Amino acid sequence: MRIQRIAYLLVAFSLAGGFPAFAKGQNESSAAGSSAPITVTFLTLSDIVDNLKPVAAAYQEQHPGVSVNFEGYPFDQMFQVIETKMAAHSGDVDL
């Protein structure tokens, strides 16, 4: 339960602009001065993806043009996925 609360706070903080440097879509759009659609992708635990969707939906209602995607992985695979994506300098994940 504590992990879920921390995850909710992290997502809410992130969506509220707490990590603007990581939102590549936002930086590219604002740099170009356009209102192009933005997609933010989060890596998270597969157990909590369904619980985070209402948070993302509420954010998307207040911020049209922004899509929030979740990539959920089991706990035992999560860190390996993060390390692999970081080592490959993957640009397909924002947070």
PDB file of N, CA and C in Angstrom:
ATOM      1  N   MET A   1       0.823  -1.188   0.000  1.00  0.00           N
ATOM      2  CA  MET A   1       0.000   0.000   0.000  1.00  0.00           C
ATOM      3  C   MET A   1       0.870   1.256   0.000  1.00  0.00           C
ATOM      4  N   ARG A   2       1.946   1.225   0.741  1.00  0.00           N
ATOM      5  CA  ARG A   2       2.831   2.382   0.801  1.00  0.00           C
ATOM      6  C   ARG A   2       3.468   2.641  -0.576  1.00  0.00           C
ATOM      7  N   ILE A   3       3.821   1.572  -1.281  1.00  0.00           N
ATOM      8  CA  ILE A   3       4.411   1.721  -2.610  1.00  0.00           C
ATOM      9  C   ILE A   3       3.401   2.368  -3.546  1.00  0.00           C
ATOM     10  N   GLN A   4       2.131   1.998  -3.443  1.00  0.00           N
ATOM     11  CA  GLN A   4       1.108   2.593  -4.293  1.00  0.00           C
ATOM     12  C   GLN A   4       0.974   4.082  -4.014  1.00  0.00           C
ATOM     13  N   ARG A   5       0.990   4.473  -2.761  1.00  0.00           N
ATOM     14  CA  ARG A   5       0.888   5.900  -2.421  1.00  0.00           C
ATOM     15  C   ARG A   5       2.073   6.674  -2.973  1.00  0.00           C
ATOM     16  N   ILE A   6       3.250   6.103  -2.837  1.00  0.00           N
ATOM     17  CA  ILE A   6       4.447   6.759  -3.372  1.00  0.00           C
ATOM     18  C   ILE A   6       4.350   6.873  -4.883  1.00  0.00           C
ATOM     19  N   ALA A   7       3.884   5.820  -5.541  1.00  0.00           N
ATOM     20  CA  ALA A   7       3.726   5.855  -6.998  1.00  0.00           C
ATOM     21  C   ALA A   7       2.717   6.913  -7.406  1.00  0.00           C
ATOM     22  N   TYR A   8       1.594   7.011  -6.694  1.00  0.00           N
ATOM     23  CA  TYR A   8       0.599   8.036  -7.007  1.00  0.00           C
ATOM     24  C   TYR A   8       1.199   9.430  -6.880  1.00  0.00           C
ATOM     25  N   LEU A   9       1.918   9.650  -5.792  1.00  0.00           N
ATOM     26  CA  LEU A   9       2.533  10.964  -5.593  1.00  0.00           C
ATOM     27  C   LEU A   9       3.558  11.270  -6.669  1.00  0.00           C
ATOM     28  N   LEU A  10       4.344  10.271  -7.047  1.00  0.00           N
ATOM     29  CA  LEU A  10       5.340  10.466  -8.099  1.00  0.00           C
ATOM     30  C   LEU A  10       4.679  10.819  -9.424  1.00  0.00           C
ATOM     31  N   VAL A  11       3.621  10.100  -9.775  1.00  0.00           N
ATOM     32  CA  VAL A  11       2.918  10.384 -11.025  1.00  0.00           C
ATOM     33  C   VAL A  11       2.270  11.753 -10.977  1.00  0.00           C
ATOM     34  N   ALA A  12       1.594  12.061  -9.872  1.00  0.00           N
ATOM     35  CA  ALA A  12       0.945  13.368  -9.758  1.00  0.00           C
ATOM     36  C   ALA A  12       1.970  14.494  -9.829  1.00  0.00           C
ATOM     37  N   PHE A  13       3.081  14.343  -9.139  1.00  0.00           N
ATOM     38  CA  PHE A  13       4.147  15.338  -9.165  1.00  0.00           C
ATOM     39  C   PHE A  13       4.718  15.484 -10.568  1.00  0.00           C
ATOM     40  N   SER A  14       4.920  14.360 -11.219  1.00  0.00           N
ATOM     41  CA  SER A  14       5.475  14.372 -12.570  1.00  0.00           C
ATOM     42  C   SER A  14       4.533  15.043 -13.553  1.00  0.00           C
ATOM     43  N   LEU A  15       3.260  14.670 -13.485  1.00  0.00           N
ATOM     44  CA  LEU A  15       2.288  15.232 -14.405  1.00  0.00           C
ATOM     45  C   LEU A  15       2.041  16.710 -14.143  1.00  0.00           C
ATOM     46  N   ALA A  16       2.253  17.128 -12.914  1.00  0.00           N
ATOM     47  CA  ALA A  16       2.066  18.533 -12.580  1.00  0.00           C
ATOM     48  C   ALA A  16       3.243  19.392 -13.025  1.00  0.00           C
ATOM     49  N   GLY A  17       4.232  18.767 -13.612  1.00  0.00           N
ATOM     50  CA  GLY A  17       5.369  19.537 -14.101  1.00  0.00           C
ATOM     51  C   GLY A  17       6.584  19.438 -13.208  1.00  0.00           C
ATOM     52  N   GLY A  18       6.566  18.507 -12.281  1.00  0.00           N
ATOM     53  CA  GLY A  18       7.687  18.357 -11.368  1.00  0.00           C
ATOM     54  C   GLY A  18       8.960  17.902 -12.045  1.00  0.00           C
ATOM     55  N   PHE A  19       8.842  17.256 -13.199  1.00  0.00           N
ATOM     56  CA  PHE A  19      10.007  16.784 -13.923  1.00  0.00           C
ATOM     57  C   PHE A  19       9.977  17.282 -15.368  1.00  0.00           C
ATOM     58  N   PRO A  20       9.880  18.579 -15.598  1.00  0.00           N
ATOM     59  CA  PRO A  20       9.744  19.062 -16.969  1.00  0.00           C
ATOM     60  C   PRO A  20      10.927  18.727 -17.855  1.00  0.00           C
ATOM     61  N   ALA A  21      12.094  18.565 -17.305  1.00  0.00           N
ATOM     62  CA  ALA A  21      13.267  18.275 -18.130  1.00  0.00           C
ATOM     63  C   ALA A  21      13.190  16.893 -18.748  1.00  0.00           C
ATOM     64  N   PHE A  22      12.417  15.996 -18.149  1.00  0.00           N
ATOM     65  CA  PHE A  22      12.329  14.642 -18.661  1.00  0.00           C
ATOM     66  C   PHE A  22      11.224  14.474 -19.690  1.00  0.00           C
ATOM     67  N   ALA A  23      10.350  15.432 -19.808  1.00  0.00           N
ATOM     68  CA  ALA A  23       9.230  15.320 -20.740  1.00  0.00           C
ATOM     69  C   ALA A  23       9.675  15.784 -22.115  1.00  0.00           C
ATOM     70  N   LYS A  24      10.292  14.888 -22.859  1.00  0.00           N
ATOM     71  CA  LYS A  24      10.889  15.267 -24.136  1.00  0.00           C
ATOM     72  C   LYS A  24       9.881  15.870 -25.088  1.00  0.00           C
ATOM     73  N   GLY A  25       8.685  15.348 -25.098  1.00  0.00           N
ATOM     74  CA  GLY A  25       7.658  15.884 -25.984  1.00  0.00           C
ATOM     75  C   GLY A  25       7.334  17.323 -25.651  1.00  0.00           C
ATOM     76  N   GLN A  26       7.254  17.638 -24.372  1.00  0.00           N
ATOM     77  CA  GLN A  26       6.938  18.989 -23.958  1.00  0.00           C
ATOM     78  C   GLN A  26       8.040  19.946 -24.364  1.00  0.00           C
ATOM     79  N   ASN A  27       9.288  19.576 -24.150  1.00  0.00           N
ATOM     80  CA  ASN A  27      10.396  20.450 -24.502  1.00  0.00           C
ATOM     81  C   ASN A  27      10.484  20.678 -25.998  1.00  0.00           C
ATOM     82  N   GLU A  28      10.281  19.632 -26.793  1.00  0.00           N
ATOM     83  CA  GLU A  28      10.333  19.772 -28.237  1.00  0.00           C
ATOM     84  C   GLU A  28       9.208  20.669 -28.728  1.00  0.00           C
ATOM     85  N   SER A  29       8.014  20.494 -28.172  1.00  0.00           N
ATOM     86  CA  SER A  29       6.869  21.273 -28.610  1.00  0.00           C
ATOM     87  C   SER A  29       7.045  22.744 -28.260  1.00  0.00           C
ATOM     88  N   SER A  30       7.449  23.025 -27.026  1.00  0.00           N
ATOM     89  CA  SER A  30       7.591  24.415 -26.627  1.00  0.00           C
ATOM     90  C   SER A  30       8.760  25.073 -27.337  1.00  0.00           C
ATOM     91  N   ALA A  31       9.793  24.300 -27.652  1.00  0.00           N
ATOM     92  CA  ALA A  31      10.921  24.867 -28.375  1.00  0.00           C
ATOM     93  C   ALA A  31      10.509  25.273 -29.780  1.00  0.00           C
ATOM     94  N   ALA A  32       9.627  24.512 -30.382  1.00  0.00           N
ATOM     95  CA  ALA A  32       9.187  24.806 -31.737  1.00  0.00           C
ATOM     96  C   ALA A  32       8.072  25.846 -31.749  1.00  0.00           C
ATOM     97  N   GLY A  33       7.502  26.145 -30.568  1.00  0.00           N
ATOM     98  CA  GLY A  33       6.432  27.113 -30.482  1.00  0.00           C
ATOM     99  C   GLY A  33       5.118  26.603 -31.047  1.00  0.00           C
ATOM    100  N   SER A  34       4.963  25.320 -31.162  1.00  0.00           N
ATOM    101  CA  SER A  34       3.737  24.756 -31.723  1.00  0.00           C
ATOM    102  C   SER A  34       2.913  24.115 -30.620  1.00  0.00           C
ATOM    103  N   SER A  35       1.710  23.728 -30.993  1.00  0.00           N
ATOM    104  CA  SER A  35       0.848  23.029 -30.040  1.00  0.00           C
ATOM    105  C   SER A  35       0.680  21.573 -30.477  1.00  0.00           C
ATOM    106  N   ALA A  36       1.758  20.973 -30.894  1.00  0.00           N
ATOM    107  CA  ALA A  36       1.742  19.573 -31.323  1.00  0.00           C
ATOM    108  C   ALA A  36       1.382  18.676 -30.148  1.00  0.00           C
ATOM    109  N   PRO A  37       0.741  17.551 -30.427  1.00  0.00           N
ATOM    110  CA  PRO A  37       0.404  16.621 -29.338  1.00  0.00           C
ATOM    111  C   PRO A  37       1.656  16.153 -28.594  1.00  0.00           C
ATOM    112  N   ILE A  38       1.496  15.923 -27.316  1.00  0.00           N
ATOM    113  CA  ILE A  38       2.589  15.485 -26.455  1.00  0.00           C
ATOM    114  C   ILE A  38       2.222  14.140 -25.862  1.00  0.00           C
ATOM    115  N   THR A  39       3.166  13.228 -25.857  1.00  0.00           N
ATOM    116  CA  THR A  39       2.967  11.937 -25.206  1.00  0.00           C
ATOM    117  C   THR A  39       4.054  11.747 -24.166  1.00  0.00           C
ATOM    118  N   VAL A  40       3.644  11.450 -22.951  1.00  0.00           N
ATOM    119  CA  VAL A  40       4.566  11.189 -21.854  1.00  0.00           C
ATOM    120  C   VAL A  40       4.438   9.712 -21.502  1.00  0.00           C
ATOM    121  N   THR A  41       5.555   9.008 -21.433  1.00  0.00           N
ATOM    122  CA  THR A  41       5.545   7.573 -21.143  1.00  0.00           C
ATOM    123  C   THR A  41       6.236   7.308 -19.810  1.00  0.00           C
ATOM    124  N   PHE A  42       5.554   6.565 -18.945  1.00  0.00           N
ATOM    125  CA  PHE A  42       6.056   6.209 -17.629  1.00  0.00           C
ATOM    126  C   PHE A  42       6.345   4.718 -17.572  1.00  0.00           C
ATOM    127  N   LEU A  43       7.483   4.359 -16.995  1.00  0.00           N
ATOM    128  CA  LEU A  43       7.741   2.970 -16.622  1.00  0.00           C
ATOM    129  C   LEU A  43       7.253   2.817 -15.192  1.00  0.00           C
ATOM    130  N   THR A  44       6.498   1.779 -14.938  1.00  0.00           N
ATOM    131  CA  THR A  44       5.988   1.570 -13.595  1.00  0.00           C
ATOM    132  C   THR A  44       5.749   0.084 -13.365  1.00  0.00           C
ATOM    133  N   LEU A  45       5.352  -0.247 -12.175  1.00  0.00           N
ATOM    134  CA  LEU A  45       5.040  -1.639 -11.844  1.00  0.00           C
ATOM    135  C   LEU A  45       3.701  -2.022 -12.455  1.00  0.00           C
ATOM    136  N   SER A  46       3.642  -3.189 -13.036  1.00  0.00           N
ATOM    137  CA  SER A  46       2.411  -3.636 -13.693  1.00  0.00           C
ATOM    138  C   SER A  46       1.249  -3.747 -12.704  1.00  0.00           C
ATOM    139  N   ASP A  47       1.555  -3.980 -11.433  1.00  0.00           N
ATOM    140  CA  ASP A  47       0.512  -4.116 -10.418  1.00  0.00           C
ATOM    141  C   ASP A  47      -0.283  -2.836 -10.198  1.00  0.00           C
ATOM    142  N   ILE A  48       0.283  -1.686 -10.522  1.00  0.00           N
ATOM    143  CA  ILE A  48      -0.399  -0.437 -10.201  1.00  0.00           C
ATOM    144  C   ILE A  48      -0.836   0.371 -11.419  1.00  0.00           C
ATOM    145  N   VAL A  49      -0.633  -0.154 -12.612  1.00  0.00           N
ATOM    146  CA  VAL A  49      -1.011   0.590 -13.819  1.00  0.00           C
ATOM    147  C   VAL A  49      -2.491   0.954 -13.800  1.00  0.00           C
ATOM    148  N   ASP A  50      -3.358   0.001 -13.473  1.00  0.00           N
ATOM    149  CA  ASP A  50      -4.793   0.287 -13.461  1.00  0.00           C
ATOM    150  C   ASP A  50      -5.159   1.360 -12.437  1.00  0.00           C
ATOM    151  N   ASN A  51      -4.430   1.427 -11.343  1.00  0.00           N
ATOM    152  CA  ASN A  51      -4.695   2.439 -10.323  1.00  0.00           C
ATOM    153  C   ASN A  51      -4.213   3.826 -10.750  1.00  0.00           C
ATOM    154  N   LEU A  52      -3.235   3.881 -11.636  1.00  0.00           N
ATOM    155  CA  LEU A  52      -2.689   5.167 -12.078  1.00  0.00           C
ATOM    156  C   LEU A  52      -3.473   5.766 -13.245  1.00  0.00           C
ATOM    157  N   LYS A  53      -4.215   4.954 -13.948  1.00  0.00           N
ATOM    158  CA  LYS A  53      -4.956   5.447 -15.111  1.00  0.00           C
ATOM    159  C   LYS A  53      -5.936   6.567 -14.784  1.00  0.00           C
ATOM    160  N   PRO A  54      -6.680   6.523 -13.664  1.00  0.00           N
ATOM    161  CA  PRO A  54      -7.570   7.651 -13.349  1.00  0.00           C
ATOM    162  C   PRO A  54      -6.803   8.957 -13.103  1.00  0.00           C
ATOM    163  N   VAL A  55      -5.616   8.862 -12.532  1.00  0.00           N
ATOM    164  CA  VAL A  55      -4.789  10.056 -12.313  1.00  0.00           C
ATOM    165  C   VAL A  55      -4.397  10.657 -13.658  1.00  0.00           C
ATOM    166  N   ALA A  56      -3.974   9.803 -14.577  1.00  0.00           N
ATOM    167  CA  ALA A  56      -3.590  10.265 -15.908  1.00  0.00           C
ATOM    168  C   ALA A  56      -4.794  10.839 -16.654  1.00  0.00           C
ATOM    169  N   ALA A  57      -5.939  10.194 -16.528  1.00  0.00           N
ATOM    170  CA  ALA A  57      -7.147  10.681 -17.205  1.00  0.00           C
ATOM    171  C   ALA A  57      -7.541  12.064 -16.699  1.00  0.00           C
ATOM    172  N   ALA A  58      -7.454  12.271 -15.400  1.00  0.00           N
ATOM    173  CA  ALA A  58      -7.769  13.591 -14.833  1.00  0.00           C
ATOM    174  C   ALA A  58      -6.797  14.649 -15.341  1.00  0.00           C
ATOM    175  N   TYR A  59      -5.535  14.287 -15.436  1.00  0.00           N
ATOM    176  CA  TYR A  59      -4.539  15.227 -15.955  1.00  0.00           C
ATOM    177  C   TYR A  59      -4.830  15.550 -17.422  1.00  0.00           C
ATOM    178  N   GLN A  60      -5.147  14.533 -18.200  1.00  0.00           N
ATOM    179  CA  GLN A  60      -5.405  14.727 -19.627  1.00  0.00           C
ATOM    180  C   GLN A  60      -6.645  15.586 -19.862  1.00  0.00           C
ATOM    181  N   GLU A  61      -7.635  15.502 -18.972  1.00  0.00           N
ATOM    182  CA  GLU A  61      -8.819  16.364 -19.088  1.00  0.00           C
ATOM    183  C   GLU A  61      -8.440  17.824 -18.932  1.00  0.00           C
ATOM    184  N   GLN A  62      -7.521  18.107 -18.036  1.00  0.00           N
ATOM    185  CA  GLN A  62      -7.093  19.479 -17.781  1.00  0.00           C
ATOM    186  C   GLN A  62      -6.042  19.961 -18.778  1.00  0.00           C
ATOM    187  N   HIS A  63      -5.425  19.038 -19.492  1.00  0.00           N
ATOM    188  CA  HIS A  63      -4.356  19.378 -20.432  1.00  0.00           C
ATOM    189  C   HIS A  63      -4.598  18.689 -21.768  1.00  0.00           C
ATOM    190  N   PRO A  64      -5.514  19.236 -22.558  1.00  0.00           N
ATOM    191  CA  PRO A  64      -5.781  18.623 -23.862  1.00  0.00           C
ATOM    192  C   PRO A  64      -4.510  18.586 -24.711  1.00  0.00           C
ATOM    193  N   GLY A  65      -4.385  17.566 -25.490  1.00  0.00           N
ATOM    194  CA  GLY A  65      -3.204  17.439 -26.334  1.00  0.00           C
ATOM    195  C   GLY A  65      -2.071  16.673 -25.682  1.00  0.00           C
ATOM    196  N   VAL A  66      -2.254  16.291 -24.429  1.00  0.00           N
ATOM    197  CA  VAL A  66      -1.230  15.515 -23.729  1.00  0.00           C
ATOM    198  C   VAL A  66      -1.761  14.101 -23.516  1.00  0.00           C
ATOM    199  N   SER A  67      -0.997  13.121 -23.950  1.00  0.00           N
ATOM    200  CA  SER A  67      -1.338  11.715 -23.724  1.00  0.00           C
ATOM    201  C   SER A  67      -0.350  11.134 -22.724  1.00  0.00           C
ATOM    202  N   VAL A  68      -0.853  10.294 -21.839  1.00  0.00           N
ATOM    203  CA  VAL A  68      -0.007   9.643 -20.847  1.00  0.00           C
ATOM    204  C   VAL A  68      -0.085   8.140 -21.073  1.00  0.00           C
ATOM    205  N   ASN A  69       1.061   7.529 -21.309  1.00  0.00           N
ATOM    206  CA  ASN A  69       1.141   6.079 -21.505  1.00  0.00           C
ATOM    207  C   ASN A  69       1.930   5.462 -20.359  1.00  0.00           C
ATOM    208  N   PHE A  70       1.519   4.271 -19.969  1.00  0.00           N
ATOM    209  CA  PHE A  70       2.222   3.532 -18.933  1.00  0.00           C
ATOM    210  C   PHE A  70       2.776   2.248 -19.524  1.00  0.00           C
ATOM    211  N   GLU A  71       4.010   1.949 -19.209  1.00  0.00           N
ATOM    212  CA  GLU A  71       4.607   0.654 -19.525  1.00  0.00           C
ATOM    213  C   GLU A  71       4.778  -0.056 -18.188  1.00  0.00           C
ATOM    214  N   GLY A  72       3.966  -1.077 -17.949  1.00  0.00           N
ATOM    215  CA  GLY A  72       4.014  -1.790 -16.688  1.00  0.00           C
ATOM    216  C   GLY A  72       4.823  -3.068 -16.786  1.00  0.00           C
ATOM    217  N   TYR A  73       5.670  -3.284 -15.794  1.00  0.00           N
ATOM    218  CA  TYR A  73       6.513  -4.478 -15.735  1.00  0.00           C
ATOM    219  C   TYR A  73       6.428  -5.084 -14.343  1.00  0.00           C
ATOM    220  N   PRO A  74       6.551  -6.408 -14.236  1.00  0.00           N
ATOM    221  CA  PRO A  74       6.620  -7.044 -12.916  1.00  0.00           C
ATOM    222  C   PRO A  74       7.848  -6.538 -12.152  1.00  0.00           C
ATOM    223  N   PHE A  75       7.740  -6.552 -10.840  1.00  0.00           N
ATOM    224  CA  PHE A  75       8.816  -6.024 -10.003  1.00  0.00           C
ATOM    225  C   PHE A  75      10.166  -6.639 -10.338  1.00  0.00           C
ATOM    226  N   ASP A  76      10.187  -7.960 -10.552  1.00  0.00           N
ATOM    227  CA  ASP A  76      11.468  -8.630 -10.778  1.00  0.00           C
ATOM    228  C   ASP A  76      12.094  -8.288 -12.136  1.00  0.00           C
ATOM    229  N   GLN A  77      11.348  -7.657 -13.034  1.00  0.00           N
ATOM    230  CA  GLN A  77      11.889  -7.254 -14.331  1.00  0.00           C
ATOM    231  C   GLN A  77      12.108  -5.750 -14.444  1.00  0.00           C
ATOM    232  N   MET A  78      11.510  -4.991 -13.555  1.00  0.00           N
ATOM    233  CA  MET A  78      11.494  -3.534 -13.666  1.00  0.00           C
ATOM    234  C   MET A  78      12.889  -2.932 -13.764  1.00  0.00           C
ATOM    235  N   PHE A  79      13.768  -3.302 -12.867  1.00  0.00           N
ATOM    236  CA  PHE A  79      15.093  -2.680 -12.845  1.00  0.00           C
ATOM    237  C   PHE A  79      15.938  -3.098 -14.045  1.00  0.00           C
ATOM    238  N   GLN A  80      15.760  -4.306 -14.499  1.00  0.00           N
ATOM    239  CA  GLN A  80      16.479  -4.748 -15.692  1.00  0.00           C
ATOM    240  C   GLN A  80      16.017  -3.946 -16.916  1.00  0.00           C
ATOM    241  N   VAL A  81      14.716  -3.705 -17.015  1.00  0.00           N
ATOM    242  CA  VAL A  81      14.187  -2.914 -18.127  1.00  0.00           C
ATOM    243  C   VAL A  81      14.742  -1.495 -18.078  1.00  0.00           C
ATOM    244  N   ILE A  82      14.746  -0.896 -16.891  1.00  0.00           N
ATOM    245  CA  ILE A  82      15.272   0.469 -16.745  1.00  0.00           C
ATOM    246  C   ILE A  82      16.740   0.513 -17.142  1.00  0.00           C
ATOM    247  N   GLU A  83      17.531  -0.418 -16.626  1.00  0.00           N
ATOM    248  CA  GLU A  83      18.963  -0.427 -16.949  1.00  0.00           C
ATOM    249  C   GLU A  83      19.201  -0.636 -18.440  1.00  0.00           C
ATOM    250  N   THR A  84      18.426  -1.519 -19.057  1.00  0.00           N
ATOM    251  CA  THR A  84      18.580  -1.778 -20.488  1.00  0.00           C
ATOM    252  C   THR A  84      18.244  -0.538 -21.303  1.00  0.00           C
ATOM    253  N   LYS A  85      17.147   0.123 -20.977  1.00  0.00           N
ATOM    254  CA  LYS A  85      16.742   1.322 -21.710  1.00  0.00           C
ATOM    255  C   LYS A  85      17.739   2.453 -21.503  1.00  0.00           C
ATOM    256  N   MET A  86      18.258   2.589 -20.304  1.00  0.00           N
ATOM    257  CA  MET A  86      19.248   3.644 -20.041  1.00  0.00           C
ATOM    258  C   MET A  86      20.548   3.354 -20.783  1.00  0.00           C
ATOM    259  N   ALA A  87      20.989   2.119 -20.776  1.00  0.00           N
ATOM    260  CA  ALA A  87      22.231   1.754 -21.459  1.00  0.00           C
ATOM    261  C   ALA A  87      22.124   1.977 -22.963  1.00  0.00           C
ATOM    262  N   ALA A  88      20.921   1.780 -23.498  1.00  0.00           N
ATOM    263  CA  ALA A  88      20.701   1.958 -24.927  1.00  0.00           C
ATOM    264  C   ALA A  88      20.387   3.414 -25.288  1.00  0.00           C
ATOM    265  N   HIS A  89      20.371   4.296 -24.275  1.00  0.00           N
ATOM    266  CA  HIS A  89      20.005   5.704 -24.464  1.00  0.00           C
ATOM    267  C   HIS A  89      18.659   5.806 -25.155  1.00  0.00           C
ATOM    268  N   SER A  90      17.724   4.972 -24.708  1.00  0.00           N
ATOM    269  CA  SER A  90      16.385   4.912 -25.292  1.00  0.00           C
ATOM    270  C   SER A  90      15.649   6.217 -25.060  1.00  0.00           C
ATOM    271  N   GLY A  91      14.987   6.686 -26.086  1.00  0.00           N
ATOM    272  CA  GLY A  91      14.202   7.906 -25.976  1.00  0.00           C
ATOM    273  C   GLY A  91      12.717   7.628 -25.923  1.00  0.00           C
ATOM    274  N   ASP A  92      12.323   6.373 -25.746  1.00  0.00           N
ATOM    275  CA  ASP A  92      10.913   6.032 -25.769  1.00  0.00           C
ATOM    276  C   ASP A  92      10.243   6.104 -24.404  1.00  0.00           C
ATOM    277  N   VAL A  93      10.983   6.453 -23.361  1.00  0.00           N
ATOM    278  CA  VAL A  93      10.431   6.565 -22.015  1.00  0.00           C
ATOM    279  C   VAL A  93      10.844   7.903 -21.429  1.00  0.00           C
ATOM    280  N   ASP A  94       9.866   8.572 -20.805  1.00  0.00           N
ATOM    281  CA  ASP A  94      10.138   9.865 -20.191  1.00  0.00           C
ATOM    282  C   ASP A  94      10.441   9.746 -18.713  1.00  0.00           C
ATOM    283  N   LEU A  95       9.642   8.955 -18.010  1.00  0.00           N
ATOM    284  CA  LEU A  95       9.810   8.815 -16.564  1.00  0.00           C
ATOM    285  C   LEU A  95       9.717   7.369 -16.157  1.00  0.00           C
TER     286      LEU A  95
END
